[in-house]
Each structure stands twice: as C-alpha cells, then as structure tokens.
Amino acid sequence: MIQESWIKEQARAGRFYFSRHGDEERQHDNLTVAEVEEALARGLILESYPDTGRGESCLVAGFTATGKPVHLVCGRRGDALVLITVYIPRPPKFKTPYERGPAP
C-alpha cells in the first residue's frame, strides 16, 4: 500500500514524474510543477486503489502554498512516484477537495 510518508519523501527528493496524461491535465488546469510539489508536500490520501489493472494507486488531496486545491492520482513505478493525473477538483464531481459530489 502506498503511504503518505513515502509520497512526501519522493516529492522532497524529486523522485517523481508525470505520465503523459498527468502532465497534460496539469497544464490544462494551469498548475506549475512547483504547485504540484507543494500539494504533494501537504497532501492526504483520500482513496486507495489496490490494483486498477496498472498497479496500485491512490488519490491525494493537497493544497498549494496559496491555498489552491489539487488532486493527484499517484502510483509507484519501481522506486519512483508517478503522477497519473493531476487536476483541480471542481463541482459537480467534487463538493469540496475532500468530498465527492452526487453520483451521476
């Protein structure tokens, strides 16, 4: 199981990378790499996904230094943290950064 402490350690050490999709979504929401690092450093695991067919992953909610909420779906590839997707949580999918919205 991926642990918050491991995620934060990888982020501090710069041992992470973006999947192509993760980097596209980061850019779509105008998030900088520095903001992603800030969110990882302040992040809490909201959901864990034991195996989605591509290995274990989890949803992390964090905030930038300016208070911008960021969601990061994180996985492990070898010793590195991979950011599968990165986005700003918004309604209707999320009521708050920590609470999902109504099911469709």
Protein backbone atom coordinates (compact mmCIF):
# COMPACT_ATOMS: atom_id res chain seq x y z
CA MET A 1 0.00 0.00 0.00
CA ILE A 2 1.30 3.45 -0.89
CA GLN A 3 1.87 5.56 2.22
CA GLU A 4 1.63 9.36 2.59
CA SER A 5 5.12 9.44 4.11
CA TRP A 6 6.57 7.70 1.03
CA ILE A 7 4.80 10.13 -1.32
CA LYS A 8 6.15 13.13 0.59
CA GLU A 9 9.65 11.65 0.69
CA GLN A 10 9.63 11.05 -3.07
CA ALA A 11 8.35 14.59 -3.72
CA ARG A 12 11.02 16.17 -1.48
CA ALA A 13 13.75 14.15 -3.20
CA GLY A 14 12.45 14.93 -6.69
CA ARG A 15 11.87 11.22 -7.40
CA PHE A 16 8.63 11.63 -9.29
CA TYR A 17 7.49 12.06 -12.83
CA PHE A 18 4.29 12.78 -14.70
CA SER A 19 2.55 10.35 -17.00
CA ARG A 20 1.73 11.93 -20.34
CA HIS A 21 -1.92 12.22 -19.25
CA GLY A 22 -0.91 13.64 -15.86
CA ASP A 23 1.22 16.35 -17.43
CA GLU A 24 -1.48 17.25 -19.96
CA GLU A 25 -4.08 17.59 -17.18
CA ARG A 26 -1.64 19.63 -15.05
CA GLN A 27 -1.13 22.05 -17.91
CA HIS A 28 -4.87 22.13 -18.69
CA ASP A 29 -5.52 23.39 -15.15
CA ASN A 30 -2.55 25.80 -15.34
CA LEU A 31 -0.71 24.15 -12.47
CA THR A 32 3.04 24.58 -12.26
CA VAL A 33 5.41 21.79 -11.25
CA ALA A 34 6.19 23.84 -8.11
CA GLU A 35 2.48 23.92 -7.21
CA VAL A 36 2.29 20.15 -7.68
CA GLU A 37 5.28 19.72 -5.34
CA GLU A 38 3.57 21.98 -2.77
CA ALA A 39 0.36 19.95 -2.98
CA LEU A 40 2.26 16.66 -2.59
CA ALA A 41 4.06 18.02 0.48
CA ARG A 42 0.71 18.96 2.08
CA GLY A 43 -1.26 16.01 0.73
CA LEU A 44 -3.51 13.46 2.37
CA ILE A 45 -4.53 10.16 0.82
CA LEU A 46 -8.30 10.22 0.26
CA GLU A 47 -8.74 6.92 -1.57
CA SER A 48 -6.54 3.89 -2.18
CA TYR A 49 -6.90 1.70 -5.23
CA PRO A 50 -5.22 -1.71 -4.67
CA ASP A 51 -4.94 -2.57 -8.37
CA THR A 52 -6.72 -0.92 -11.26
CA GLY A 53 -5.06 -3.11 -13.88
CA ARG A 54 -1.94 -0.92 -13.97
CA GLY A 55 -0.85 -1.46 -10.40
CA GLU A 56 -1.61 0.15 -7.08
CA SER A 57 -2.51 3.84 -6.92
CA CYS A 58 -4.17 6.40 -4.67
CA LEU A 59 -5.93 9.75 -4.78
CA VAL A 60 -4.14 12.50 -2.87
CA ALA A 61 -5.70 15.85 -1.99
CA GLY A 62 -3.29 18.68 -1.28
CA PHE A 63 -3.02 22.44 -1.42
CA THR A 64 -0.54 24.84 -2.93
CA ALA A 65 1.14 27.49 -0.77
CA THR A 66 -1.58 29.92 -1.89
CA GLY A 67 -4.37 27.51 -0.89
CA LYS A 68 -5.30 26.20 -4.33
CA PRO A 69 -6.71 22.64 -4.02
CA VAL A 70 -5.07 19.95 -6.13
CA HIS A 71 -5.92 16.28 -6.64
CA LEU A 72 -3.19 13.87 -7.67
CA VAL A 73 -3.62 10.23 -8.61
CA CYS A 74 -0.31 8.67 -7.62
CA GLY A 75 1.25 5.31 -8.42
CA ARG A 76 4.57 3.59 -7.91
CA ARG A 77 6.90 2.58 -10.71
CA GLY A 78 9.99 0.98 -9.24
CA ASP A 79 11.37 3.43 -6.68
CA ALA A 80 9.70 6.46 -8.26
CA LEU A 81 6.37 8.15 -7.70
CA VAL A 82 4.36 8.56 -10.90
CA LEU A 83 1.65 11.21 -11.14
CA ILE A 84 -1.00 9.53 -13.24
CA THR A 85 -3.28 12.54 -13.31
CA VAL A 86 -3.27 15.96 -11.69
CA TYR A 87 -6.23 18.35 -11.58
CA ILE A 88 -8.12 20.95 -9.58
CA PRO A 89 -11.21 19.32 -8.03
CA ARG A 90 -14.41 21.09 -9.07
CA PRO A 91 -18.18 20.61 -8.81
CA PRO A 92 -20.14 18.66 -9.73
CA LYS A 93 -17.64 15.80 -9.37
CA PHE A 94 -16.39 17.16 -6.02
CA LYS A 95 -18.32 19.23 -3.47
CA THR A 96 -15.10 20.06 -1.64
CA PRO A 97 -11.49 18.93 -2.15
CA TYR A 98 -12.26 16.08 0.28
CA GLU A 99 -15.84 15.15 -0.66
CA ARG A 100 -17.25 13.71 -3.87
CA GLY A 101 -20.33 15.23 -5.41
CA PRO A 102 -23.55 13.38 -6.15
CA ALA A 103 -23.30 10.29 -8.32
CA PRO A 104 -24.38 10.87 -11.93
